[in-house]
PDB file of N, CA and C in Angstrom:
ATOM      1  N   UNK A   1     -23.626 -17.094 -17.702  1.00  0.00           N
ATOM      2  CA  UNK A   1     -22.219 -16.772 -17.596  1.00  0.00           C
ATOM      3  C   UNK A   1     -21.443 -18.039 -17.244  1.00  0.00           C
ATOM      4  N   UNK A   2     -20.222 -18.086 -17.651  1.00  0.00           N
ATOM      5  CA  UNK A   2     -19.368 -19.245 -17.447  1.00  0.00           C
ATOM      6  C   UNK A   2     -19.251 -19.594 -15.959  1.00  0.00           C
ATOM      7  N   UNK A   3     -19.467 -20.869 -15.631  1.00  0.00           N
ATOM      8  CA  UNK A   3     -19.437 -21.330 -14.239  1.00  0.00           C
ATOM      9  C   UNK A   3     -18.076 -21.101 -13.585  1.00  0.00           C
ATOM     10  N   UNK A   4     -16.988 -21.281 -14.324  1.00  0.00           N
ATOM     11  CA  UNK A   4     -15.658 -21.094 -13.734  1.00  0.00           C
ATOM     12  C   UNK A   4     -15.410 -19.625 -13.380  1.00  0.00           C
ATOM     13  N   UNK A   5     -15.961 -18.718 -14.161  1.00  0.00           N
ATOM     14  CA  UNK A   5     -15.837 -17.293 -13.839  1.00  0.00           C
ATOM     15  C   UNK A   5     -16.614 -16.976 -12.571  1.00  0.00           C
ATOM     16  N   UNK A   6     -17.811 -17.554 -12.448  1.00  0.00           N
ATOM     17  CA  UNK A   6     -18.613 -17.343 -11.241  1.00  0.00           C
ATOM     18  C   UNK A   6     -17.891 -17.899 -10.014  1.00  0.00           C
ATOM     19  N   UNK A   7     -17.256 -19.051 -10.168  1.00  0.00           N
ATOM     20  CA  UNK A   7     -16.514 -19.643  -9.057  1.00  0.00           C
ATOM     21  C   UNK A   7     -15.316 -18.775  -8.680  1.00  0.00           C
ATOM     22  N   UNK A   8     -14.631 -18.232  -9.692  1.00  0.00           N
ATOM     23  CA  UNK A   8     -13.504 -17.336  -9.439  1.00  0.00           C
ATOM     24  C   UNK A   8     -13.959 -16.125  -8.634  1.00  0.00           C
ATOM     25  N   UNK A   9     -15.087 -15.550  -9.037  1.00  0.00           N
ATOM     26  CA  UNK A   9     -15.622 -14.382  -8.319  1.00  0.00           C
ATOM     27  C   UNK A   9     -15.982 -14.745  -6.883  1.00  0.00           C
ATOM     28  N   UNK A  10     -16.631 -15.879  -6.710  1.00  0.00           N
ATOM     29  CA  UNK A  10     -17.015 -16.317  -5.361  1.00  0.00           C
ATOM     30  C   UNK A  10     -15.779 -16.528  -4.494  1.00  0.00           C
ATOM     31  N   UNK A  11     -14.753 -17.168  -5.037  1.00  0.00           N
ATOM     32  CA  UNK A  11     -13.516 -17.401  -4.287  1.00  0.00           C
ATOM     33  C   UNK A  11     -12.828 -16.083  -3.935  1.00  0.00           C
ATOM     34  N   UNK A  12     -12.858 -15.143  -4.867  1.00  0.00           N
ATOM     35  CA  UNK A  12     -12.255 -13.832  -4.620  1.00  0.00           C
ATOM     36  C   UNK A  12     -12.942 -13.143  -3.443  1.00  0.00           C
ATOM     37  N   UNK A  13     -14.272 -13.117  -3.460  1.00  0.00           N
ATOM     38  CA  UNK A  13     -14.991 -12.449  -2.376  1.00  0.00           C
ATOM     39  C   UNK A  13     -14.881 -13.219  -1.058  1.00  0.00           C
ATOM     40  N   UNK A  14     -14.750 -14.537  -1.124  1.00  0.00           N
ATOM     41  CA  UNK A  14     -14.503 -15.310   0.104  1.00  0.00           C
ATOM     42  C   UNK A  14     -13.173 -14.903   0.725  1.00  0.00           C
ATOM     43  N   UNK A  15     -12.187 -14.625  -0.118  1.00  0.00           N
ATOM     44  CA  UNK A  15     -10.878 -14.208   0.386  1.00  0.00           C
ATOM     45  C   UNK A  15     -10.973 -12.881   1.138  1.00  0.00           C
ATOM     46  N   UNK A  16     -11.953 -12.073   0.800  1.00  0.00           N
ATOM     47  CA  UNK A  16     -12.130 -10.779   1.462  1.00  0.00           C
ATOM     48  C   UNK A  16     -13.005 -10.885   2.705  1.00  0.00           C
ATOM     49  N   UNK A  17     -13.632 -12.024   2.906  1.00  0.00           N
ATOM     50  CA  UNK A  17     -14.680 -12.180   3.921  1.00  0.00           C
ATOM     51  C   UNK A  17     -14.143 -12.472   5.320  1.00  0.00           C
ATOM     52  N   UNK A  18     -13.265 -11.614   5.795  1.00  0.00           N
ATOM     53  CA  UNK A  18     -12.754 -11.753   7.164  1.00  0.00           C
ATOM     54  C   UNK A  18     -12.319 -10.360   7.629  1.00  0.00           C
ATOM     55  N   UNK A  19     -12.713  -9.962   8.833  1.00  0.00           N
ATOM     56  CA  UNK A  19     -12.387  -8.603   9.294  1.00  0.00           C
ATOM     57  C   UNK A  19     -10.895  -8.265   9.249  1.00  0.00           C
ATOM     58  N   UNK A  20     -10.042  -9.198   9.657  1.00  0.00           N
ATOM     59  CA  UNK A  20      -8.611  -8.895   9.639  1.00  0.00           C
ATOM     60  C   UNK A  20      -8.093  -8.766   8.213  1.00  0.00           C
ATOM     61  N   UNK A  21      -8.607  -9.581   7.300  1.00  0.00           N
ATOM     62  CA  UNK A  21      -8.159  -9.480   5.908  1.00  0.00           C
ATOM     63  C   UNK A  21      -8.558  -8.128   5.322  1.00  0.00           C
ATOM     64  N   UNK A  22      -9.751  -7.646   5.657  1.00  0.00           N
ATOM     65  CA  UNK A  22     -10.177  -6.322   5.194  1.00  0.00           C
ATOM     66  C   UNK A  22      -9.245  -5.256   5.773  1.00  0.00           C
ATOM     67  N   UNK A  23      -8.927  -5.362   7.054  1.00  0.00           N
ATOM     68  CA  UNK A  23      -8.004  -4.405   7.676  1.00  0.00           C
ATOM     69  C   UNK A  23      -6.641  -4.431   6.991  1.00  0.00           C
ATOM     70  N   UNK A  24      -6.152  -5.610   6.711  1.00  0.00           N
ATOM     71  CA  UNK A  24      -4.858  -5.747   6.032  1.00  0.00           C
ATOM     72  C   UNK A  24      -4.909  -5.059   4.672  1.00  0.00           C
ATOM     73  N   UNK A  25      -5.973  -5.295   3.922  1.00  0.00           N
ATOM     74  CA  UNK A  25      -6.093  -4.676   2.599  1.00  0.00           C
ATOM     75  C   UNK A  25      -6.170  -3.160   2.706  1.00  0.00           C
ATOM     76  N   UNK A  26      -6.896  -2.660   3.708  1.00  0.00           N
ATOM     77  CA  UNK A  26      -6.972  -1.210   3.898  1.00  0.00           C
ATOM     78  C   UNK A  26      -5.590  -0.639   4.218  1.00  0.00           C
ATOM     79  N   UNK A  27      -4.828  -1.339   5.045  1.00  0.00           N
ATOM     80  CA  UNK A  27      -3.476  -0.880   5.372  1.00  0.00           C
ATOM     81  C   UNK A  27      -2.563  -0.927   4.151  1.00  0.00           C
ATOM     82  N   UNK A  28      -2.672  -1.990   3.366  1.00  0.00           N
ATOM     83  CA  UNK A  28      -1.838  -2.114   2.170  1.00  0.00           C
ATOM     84  C   UNK A  28      -2.260  -1.129   1.086  1.00  0.00           C
ATOM     85  N   UNK A  29      -3.475  -0.609   1.173  1.00  0.00           N
ATOM     86  CA  UNK A  29      -3.919   0.423   0.233  1.00  0.00           C
ATOM     87  C   UNK A  29      -3.078   1.685   0.377  1.00  0.00           C
ATOM     88  N   UNK A  30      -2.517   1.871   1.573  1.00  0.00           N
ATOM     89  CA  UNK A  30      -1.673   3.040   1.829  1.00  0.00           C
ATOM     90  C   UNK A  30      -0.207   2.786   1.501  1.00  0.00           C
ATOM     91  N   UNK A  31       0.125   1.563   1.117  1.00  0.00           N
ATOM     92  CA  UNK A  31       1.501   1.240   0.752  1.00  0.00           C
ATOM     93  C   UNK A  31       1.935  -0.112   1.296  1.00  0.00           C
ATOM     94  N   UNK A  32       3.031  -0.604   0.773  1.00  0.00           N
ATOM     95  CA  UNK A  32       3.562  -1.919   1.149  1.00  0.00           C
ATOM     96  C   UNK A  32       3.967  -1.949   2.619  1.00  0.00           C
ATOM     97  N   UNK A  33       3.785  -3.130   3.228  1.00  0.00           N
ATOM     98  CA  UNK A  33       4.166  -3.326   4.624  1.00  0.00           C
ATOM     99  C   UNK A  33       4.601  -4.772   4.821  1.00  0.00           C
ATOM    100  N   UNK A  34       5.495  -4.974   5.811  1.00  0.00           N
ATOM    101  CA  UNK A  34       5.883  -6.338   6.139  1.00  0.00           C
ATOM    102  C   UNK A  34       5.018  -6.854   7.290  1.00  0.00           C
ATOM    103  N   UNK A  35       5.167  -8.121   7.625  1.00  0.00           N
ATOM    104  CA  UNK A  35       4.331  -8.751   8.654  1.00  0.00           C
ATOM    105  C   UNK A  35       4.469  -8.032   9.989  1.00  0.00           C
ATOM    106  N   UNK A  36       5.700  -7.670  10.359  1.00  0.00           N
ATOM    107  CA  UNK A  36       5.906  -6.997  11.643  1.00  0.00           C
ATOM    108  C   UNK A  36       5.180  -5.658  11.702  1.00  0.00           C
ATOM    109  N   UNK A  37       5.206  -4.913  10.601  1.00  0.00           N
ATOM    110  CA  UNK A  37       4.489  -3.633  10.557  1.00  0.00           C
ATOM    111  C   UNK A  37       2.988  -3.857  10.688  1.00  0.00           C
ATOM    112  N   UNK A  38       2.472  -4.828   9.946  1.00  0.00           N
ATOM    113  CA  UNK A  38       1.041  -5.133  10.016  1.00  0.00           C
ATOM    114  C   UNK A  38       0.659  -5.597  11.415  1.00  0.00           C
ATOM    115  N   UNK A  39       1.478  -6.460  11.987  1.00  0.00           N
ATOM    116  CA  UNK A  39       1.223  -6.982  13.328  1.00  0.00           C
ATOM    117  C   UNK A  39       1.161  -5.831  14.335  1.00  0.00           C
ATOM    118  N   UNK A  40       2.091  -4.915  14.247  1.00  0.00           N
ATOM    119  CA  UNK A  40       2.154  -3.785  15.170  1.00  0.00           C
ATOM    120  C   UNK A  40       0.924  -2.890  15.030  1.00  0.00           C
ATOM    121  N   UNK A  41       0.540  -2.579  13.815  1.00  0.00           N
ATOM    122  CA  UNK A  41      -0.618  -1.710  13.574  1.00  0.00           C
ATOM    123  C   UNK A  41      -1.907  -2.389  14.011  1.00  0.00           C
ATOM    124  N   UNK A  42      -2.040  -3.672  13.702  1.00  0.00           N
ATOM    125  CA  UNK A  42      -3.269  -4.404  14.014  1.00  0.00           C
ATOM    126  C   UNK A  42      -3.344  -4.829  15.476  1.00  0.00           C
ATOM    127  N   UNK A  43      -2.203  -4.841  16.154  1.00  0.00           N
ATOM    128  CA  UNK A  43      -2.177  -5.309  17.534  1.00  0.00           C
ATOM    129  C   UNK A  43      -2.514  -6.781  17.638  1.00  0.00           C
ATOM    130  N   UNK A  44      -2.025  -7.542  16.679  1.00  0.00           N
ATOM    131  CA  UNK A  44      -2.330  -8.967  16.606  1.00  0.00           C
ATOM    132  C   UNK A  44      -1.040  -9.774  16.539  1.00  0.00           C
ATOM    133  N   UNK A  45      -1.152 -11.049  16.846  1.00  0.00           N
ATOM    134  CA  UNK A  45       0.011 -11.936  16.766  1.00  0.00           C
ATOM    135  C   UNK A  45       0.461 -12.103  15.319  1.00  0.00           C
ATOM    136  N   UNK A  46       1.769 -12.268  15.151  1.00  0.00           N
ATOM    137  CA  UNK A  46       2.321 -12.453  13.814  1.00  0.00           C
ATOM    138  C   UNK A  46       1.762 -13.658  13.102  1.00  0.00           C
ATOM    139  N   UNK A  47       1.501 -14.742  13.852  1.00  0.00           N
ATOM    140  CA  UNK A  47       0.979 -15.951  13.212  1.00  0.00           C
ATOM    141  C   UNK A  47      -0.421 -15.708  12.655  1.00  0.00           C
ATOM    142  N   UNK A  48      -1.231 -14.922  13.358  1.00  0.00           N
ATOM    143  CA  UNK A  48      -2.585 -14.619  12.873  1.00  0.00           C
ATOM    144  C   UNK A  48      -2.519 -13.773  11.609  1.00  0.00           C
ATOM    145  N   UNK A  49      -1.634 -12.785  11.611  1.00  0.00           N
ATOM    146  CA  UNK A  49      -1.459 -11.927  10.436  1.00  0.00           C
ATOM    147  C   UNK A  49      -0.934 -12.755   9.268  1.00  0.00           C
ATOM    148  N   UNK A  50       0.058 -13.598   9.525  1.00  0.00           N
ATOM    149  CA  UNK A  50       0.626 -14.442   8.465  1.00  0.00           C
ATOM    150  C   UNK A  50      -0.416 -15.382   7.880  1.00  0.00           C
ATOM    151  N   UNK A  51      -1.271 -15.924   8.739  1.00  0.00           N
ATOM    152  CA  UNK A  51      -2.322 -16.833   8.277  1.00  0.00           C
ATOM    153  C   UNK A  51      -3.279 -16.103   7.328  1.00  0.00           C
ATOM    154  N   UNK A  52      -3.657 -14.887   7.682  1.00  0.00           N
ATOM    155  CA  UNK A  52      -4.581 -14.130   6.831  1.00  0.00           C
ATOM    156  C   UNK A  52      -3.899 -13.691   5.531  1.00  0.00           C
ATOM    157  N   UNK A  53      -2.632 -13.344   5.615  1.00  0.00           N
ATOM    158  CA  UNK A  53      -1.888 -13.001   4.399  1.00  0.00           C
ATOM    159  C   UNK A  53      -1.788 -14.201   3.466  1.00  0.00           C
ATOM    160  N   UNK A  54      -1.643 -15.394   4.027  1.00  0.00           N
ATOM    161  CA  UNK A  54      -1.568 -16.609   3.205  1.00  0.00           C
ATOM    162  C   UNK A  54      -2.856 -16.808   2.416  1.00  0.00           C
ATOM    163  N   UNK A  55      -3.993 -16.541   3.043  1.00  0.00           N
ATOM    164  CA  UNK A  55      -5.280 -16.652   2.336  1.00  0.00           C
ATOM    165  C   UNK A  55      -5.322 -15.638   1.198  1.00  0.00           C
ATOM    166  N   UNK A  56      -4.935 -14.403   1.484  1.00  0.00           N
ATOM    167  CA  UNK A  56      -4.958 -13.355   0.458  1.00  0.00           C
ATOM    168  C   UNK A  56      -3.977 -13.653  -0.673  1.00  0.00           C
ATOM    169  N   UNK A  57      -2.840 -14.223  -0.338  1.00  0.00           N
ATOM    170  CA  UNK A  57      -1.865 -14.598  -1.377  1.00  0.00           C
ATOM    171  C   UNK A  57      -2.391 -15.739  -2.238  1.00  0.00           C
ATOM    172  N   UNK A  58      -3.038 -16.711  -1.605  1.00  0.00           N
ATOM    173  CA  UNK A  58      -3.522 -17.880  -2.353  1.00  0.00           C
ATOM    174  C   UNK A  58      -4.573 -17.496  -3.391  1.00  0.00           C
ATOM    175  N   UNK A  59      -5.256 -16.387  -3.162  1.00  0.00           N
ATOM    176  CA  UNK A  59      -6.276 -15.916  -4.109  1.00  0.00           C
ATOM    177  C   UNK A  59      -5.766 -14.753  -4.957  1.00  0.00           C
ATOM    178  N   UNK A  60      -4.444 -14.532  -4.905  1.00  0.00           N
ATOM    179  CA  UNK A  60      -3.790 -13.491  -5.711  1.00  0.00           C
ATOM    180  C   UNK A  60      -4.321 -12.087  -5.437  1.00  0.00           C
ATOM    181  N   UNK A  61      -4.697 -11.830  -4.193  1.00  0.00           N
ATOM    182  CA  UNK A  61      -5.169 -10.502  -3.817  1.00  0.00           C
ATOM    183  C   UNK A  61      -3.983  -9.636  -3.392  1.00  0.00           C
ATOM    184  N   UNK A  62      -3.004 -10.253  -2.713  1.00  0.00           N
ATOM    185  CA  UNK A  62      -1.770  -9.554  -2.352  1.00  0.00           C
ATOM    186  C   UNK A  62      -0.588 -10.334  -2.904  1.00  0.00           C
ATOM    187  N   UNK A  63       0.542  -9.658  -2.942  1.00  0.00           N
ATOM    188  CA  UNK A  63       1.775 -10.318  -3.369  1.00  0.00           C
ATOM    189  C   UNK A  63       2.878  -9.981  -2.376  1.00  0.00           C
ATOM    190  N   UNK A  64       3.792 -10.902  -2.235  1.00  0.00           N
ATOM    191  CA  UNK A  64       4.916 -10.708  -1.330  1.00  0.00           C
ATOM    192  C   UNK A  64       6.212 -10.593  -2.099  1.00  0.00           C
ATOM    193  N   UNK A  65       7.048  -9.662  -1.669  1.00  0.00           N
ATOM    194  CA  UNK A  65       8.361  -9.474  -2.266  1.00  0.00           C
ATOM    195  C   UNK A  65       9.400  -9.664  -1.178  1.00  0.00           C
ATOM    196  N   UNK A  66      10.294 -10.627  -1.380  1.00  0.00           N
ATOM    197  CA  UNK A  66      11.301 -10.937  -0.367  1.00  0.00           C
ATOM    198  C   UNK A  66      12.478  -9.981  -0.500  1.00  0.00           C
ATOM    199  N   UNK A  67      12.823  -9.356   0.634  1.00  0.00           N
ATOM    200  CA  UNK A  67      13.971  -8.455   0.705  1.00  0.00           C
ATOM    201  C   UNK A  67      14.839  -8.938   1.862  1.00  0.00           C
ATOM    202  N   UNK A  68      15.849  -9.713   1.560  1.00  0.00           N
ATOM    203  CA  UNK A  68      16.653 -10.339   2.607  1.00  0.00           C
ATOM    204  C   UNK A  68      15.812 -11.382   3.315  1.00  0.00           C
ATOM    205  N   UNK A  69      15.631 -11.209   4.625  1.00  0.00           N
ATOM    206  CA  UNK A  69      14.804 -12.158   5.387  1.00  0.00           C
ATOM    207  C   UNK A  69      13.381 -11.645   5.589  1.00  0.00           C
ATOM    208  N   UNK A  70      13.094 -10.462   5.062  1.00  0.00           N
ATOM    209  CA  UNK A  70      11.782  -9.842   5.251  1.00  0.00           C
ATOM    210  C   UNK A  70      10.957  -9.939   3.978  1.00  0.00           C
ATOM    211  N   UNK A  71       9.681 -10.273   4.137  1.00  0.00           N
ATOM    212  CA  UNK A  71       8.749 -10.278   3.010  1.00  0.00           C
ATOM    213  C   UNK A  71       7.851  -9.057   3.158  1.00  0.00           C
ATOM    214  N   UNK A  72       7.834  -8.237   2.121  1.00  0.00           N
ATOM    215  CA  UNK A  72       6.995  -7.048   2.102  1.00  0.00           C
ATOM    216  C   UNK A  72       5.785  -7.335   1.224  1.00  0.00           C
ATOM    217  N   UNK A  73       4.609  -7.019   1.751  1.00  0.00           N
ATOM    218  CA  UNK A  73       3.360  -7.311   1.050  1.00  0.00           C
ATOM    219  C   UNK A  73       2.770  -6.047   0.449  1.00  0.00           C
ATOM    220  N   UNK A  74       2.122  -6.232  -0.702  1.00  0.00           N
ATOM    221  CA  UNK A  74       1.438  -5.131  -1.376  1.00  0.00           C
ATOM    222  C   UNK A  74       0.198  -5.683  -2.078  1.00  0.00           C
ATOM    223  N   UNK A  75      -0.687  -4.771  -2.456  1.00  0.00           N
ATOM    224  CA  UNK A  75      -1.864  -5.177  -3.221  1.00  0.00           C
ATOM    225  C   UNK A  75      -1.409  -5.642  -4.592  1.00  0.00           C
ATOM    226  N   UNK A  76      -1.953  -6.744  -5.051  1.00  0.00           N
ATOM    227  CA  UNK A  76      -1.586  -7.260  -6.372  1.00  0.00           C
ATOM    228  C   UNK A  76      -2.167  -6.366  -7.467  1.00  0.00           C
ATOM    229  N   UNK A  77      -3.337  -5.813  -7.214  1.00  0.00           N
ATOM    230  CA  UNK A  77      -4.000  -4.941  -8.182  1.00  0.00           C
ATOM    231  C   UNK A  77      -4.456  -3.677  -7.459  1.00  0.00           C
ATOM    232  N   UNK A  78      -4.027  -2.504  -7.908  1.00  0.00           N
ATOM    233  CA  UNK A  78      -4.415  -1.265  -7.233  1.00  0.00           C
ATOM    234  C   UNK A  78      -5.925  -1.010  -7.245  1.00  0.00           C
ATOM    235  N   UNK A  79      -6.659  -1.681  -8.114  1.00  0.00           N
ATOM    236  CA  UNK A  79      -8.116  -1.513  -8.143  1.00  0.00           C
ATOM    237  C   UNK A  79      -8.784  -2.033  -6.874  1.00  0.00           C
ATOM    238  N   UNK A  80      -8.078  -2.851  -6.098  1.00  0.00           N
ATOM    239  CA  UNK A  80      -8.631  -3.336  -4.829  1.00  0.00           C
ATOM    240  C   UNK A  80      -8.899  -2.158  -3.905  1.00  0.00           C
ATOM    241  N   UNK A  81      -8.042  -1.150  -3.971  1.00  0.00           N
ATOM    242  CA  UNK A  81      -8.256   0.070  -3.181  1.00  0.00           C
ATOM    243  C   UNK A  81      -9.587   0.713  -3.572  1.00  0.00           C
ATOM    244  N   UNK A  82      -9.869   0.764  -4.867  1.00  0.00           N
ATOM    245  CA  UNK A  82     -11.142   1.316  -5.345  1.00  0.00           C
ATOM    246  C   UNK A  82     -12.317   0.453  -4.900  1.00  0.00           C
ATOM    247  N   UNK A  83     -12.137  -0.861  -4.935  1.00  0.00           N
ATOM    248  CA  UNK A  83     -13.187  -1.782  -4.499  1.00  0.00           C
ATOM    249  C   UNK A  83     -13.540  -1.533  -3.035  1.00  0.00           C
ATOM    250  N   UNK A  84     -12.529  -1.347  -2.193  1.00  0.00           N
ATOM    251  CA  UNK A  84     -12.767  -1.074  -0.777  1.00  0.00           C
ATOM    252  C   UNK A  84     -13.489   0.258  -0.592  1.00  0.00           C
ATOM    253  N   UNK A  85     -13.132   1.259  -1.401  1.00  0.00           N
ATOM    254  CA  UNK A  85     -13.794   2.568  -1.314  1.00  0.00           C
ATOM    255  C   UNK A  85     -15.261   2.463  -1.728  1.00  0.00           C
ATOM    256  N   UNK A  86     -15.541   1.713  -2.782  1.00  0.00           N
ATOM    257  CA  UNK A  86     -16.928   1.524  -3.223  1.00  0.00           C
ATOM    258  C   UNK A  86     -17.721   0.769  -2.161  1.00  0.00           C
ATOM    259  N   UNK A  87     -17.124  -0.257  -1.574  1.00  0.00           N
ATOM    260  CA  UNK A  87     -17.801  -1.008  -0.509  1.00  0.00           C
ATOM    261  C   UNK A  87     -18.139  -0.086   0.656  1.00  0.00           C
ATOM    262  N   UNK A  88     -17.217   0.806   1.016  1.00  0.00           N
ATOM    263  CA  UNK A  88     -17.473   1.757   2.105  1.00  0.00           C
ATOM    264  C   UNK A  88     -18.641   2.672   1.750  1.00  0.00           C
ATOM    265  N   UNK A  89     -18.697   3.129   0.510  1.00  0.00           N
ATOM    266  CA  UNK A  89     -19.806   3.988   0.081  1.00  0.00           C
ATOM    267  C   UNK A  89     -21.137   3.244   0.173  1.00  0.00           C
ATOM    268  N   UNK A  90     -21.143   1.984  -0.237  1.00  0.00           N
ATOM    269  CA  UNK A  90     -22.367   1.177  -0.158  1.00  0.00           C
ATOM    270  C   UNK A  90     -22.804   1.039   1.290  1.00  0.00           C
ATOM    271  N   UNK A  91     -21.866   0.728   2.188  1.00  0.00           N
ATOM    272  CA  UNK A  91     -22.201   0.578   3.607  1.00  0.00           C
ATOM    273  C   UNK A  91     -22.688   1.900   4.185  1.00  0.00           C
ATOM    274  N   UNK A  92     -22.048   3.012   3.792  1.00  0.00           N
ATOM    275  CA  UNK A  92     -22.489   4.326   4.257  1.00  0.00           C
ATOM    276  C   UNK A  92     -23.921   4.603   3.811  1.00  0.00           C
ATOM    277  N   UNK A  93     -24.238   4.250   2.563  1.00  0.00           N
ATOM    278  CA  UNK A  93     -25.604   4.441   2.057  1.00  0.00           C
ATOM    279  C   UNK A  93     -26.604   3.617   2.858  1.00  0.00           C
ATOM    280  N   UNK A  94     -26.235   2.382   3.172  1.00  0.00           N
ATOM    281  CA  UNK A  94     -27.122   1.531   3.969  1.00  0.00           C
ATOM    282  C   UNK A  94     -27.323   2.113   5.364  1.00  0.00           C
ATOM    283  N   UNK A  95     -26.260   2.667   5.939  1.00  0.00           N
ATOM    284  CA  UNK A  95     -26.372   3.277   7.264  1.00  0.00           C
ATOM    285  C   UNK A  95     -27.282   4.498   7.232  1.00  0.00           C
ATOM    286  N   UNK A  96     -27.162   5.318   6.192  1.00  0.00           N
ATOM    287  CA  UNK A  96     -28.032   6.492   6.055  1.00  0.00           C
ATOM    288  C   UNK A  96     -29.483   6.047   5.968  1.00  0.00           C
ATOM    289  N   UNK A  97     -29.757   5.012   5.181  1.00  0.00           N
ATOM    290  CA  UNK A  97     -31.120   4.488   5.064  1.00  0.00           C
ATOM    291  C   UNK A  97     -31.616   3.955   6.401  1.00  0.00           C
ATOM    292  N   UNK A  98     -30.758   3.234   7.116  1.00  0.00           N
ATOM    293  CA  UNK A  98     -31.149   2.663   8.405  1.00  0.00           C
ATOM    294  C   UNK A  98     -31.419   3.766   9.424  1.00  0.00           C
ATOM    295  N   UNK A  99     -30.601   4.797   9.433  1.00  0.00           N
ATOM    296  CA  UNK A  99     -30.805   5.917  10.360  1.00  0.00           C
ATOM    297  C   UNK A  99     -32.104   6.637  10.037  1.00  0.00           C
ATOM    298  N   UNK A 100     -32.361   6.840   8.760  1.00  0.00           N
ATOM    299  CA  UNK A 100     -33.604   7.490   8.343  1.00  0.00           C
ATOM    300  C   UNK A 100     -34.820   6.676   8.774  1.00  0.00           C
ATOM    301  N   UNK A 101     -34.743   5.357   8.603  1.00  0.00           N
ATOM    302  CA  UNK A 101     -35.835   4.478   8.999  1.00  0.00           C
ATOM    303  C   UNK A 101     -36.036   4.537  10.515  1.00  0.00           C
ATOM    304  N   UNK A 102     -34.951   4.536  11.261  1.00  0.00           N
ATOM    305  CA  UNK A 102     -35.024   4.612  12.720  1.00  0.00           C
ATOM    306  C   UNK A 102     -35.661   5.927  13.160  1.00  0.00           C
ATOM    307  N   UNK A 103     -35.297   7.013  12.498  1.00  0.00           N
ATOM    308  CA  UNK A 103     -35.891   8.311  12.827  1.00  0.00           C
ATOM    309  C   UNK A 103     -37.389   8.305  12.550  1.00  0.00           C
ATOM    310  N   UNK A 104     -37.805   7.671  11.453  1.00  0.00           N
ATOM    311  CA  UNK A 104     -39.232   7.563  11.138  1.00  0.00           C
ATOM    312  C   UNK A 104     -39.964   6.755  12.201  1.00  0.00           C
ATOM    313  N   UNK A 105     -39.349   5.670  12.656  1.00  0.00           N
ATOM    314  CA  UNK A 105     -39.963   4.829  13.690  1.00  0.00           C
ATOM    315  C   UNK A 105     -40.111   5.623  14.982  1.00  0.00           C
ATOM    316  N   UNK A 106     -39.103   6.389  15.337  1.00  0.00           N
ATOM    317  CA  UNK A 106     -39.153   7.186  16.570  1.00  0.00           C
ATOM    318  C   UNK A 106     -40.235   8.256  16.496  1.00  0.00           C
ATOM    319  N   UNK A 107     -40.443   8.823  15.316  1.00  0.00           N
ATOM    320  CA  UNK A 107     -41.490   9.837  15.143  1.00  0.00           C
ATOM    321  C   UNK A 107     -42.871   9.234  15.365  1.00  0.00           C
ATOM    322  N   UNK A 108     -43.031   7.981  14.948  1.00  0.00           N
ATOM    323  CA  UNK A 108     -44.332   7.310  15.040  1.00  0.00           C
ATOM    324  C   UNK A 108     -44.651   6.840  16.455  1.00  0.00           C
ATOM    325  N   UNK A 109     -43.665   6.799  17.331  1.00  0.00           N
ATOM    326  CA  UNK A 109     -43.933   6.298  18.691  1.00  0.00           C
ATOM    327  C   UNK A 109     -44.112   7.411  19.684  1.00  0.00           C
TER     328      UNK A 109
END
């Protein structure tokens, strides 16, 4: 496969590789929000939220729309919501497997 496509994919997933960025994407999955709204929900400083939004914007994961002095952020592609849902299903499956394995270990002891 083309090396530049692989690099694009790697950069995209790197943009998602931070707990606050995942939280931001989950919040934006429910609709557009500005920095103050995100800051309030996340209980984090505005500068930290802005820094993470800048990473997501640089990789075209979110987009900002300026309304007066406020920038409202939204998912650039609605499929990101589906990606997050699939990731949750994968993690849930791994947890079920881990719990099952733990139960087997407990039975053996």
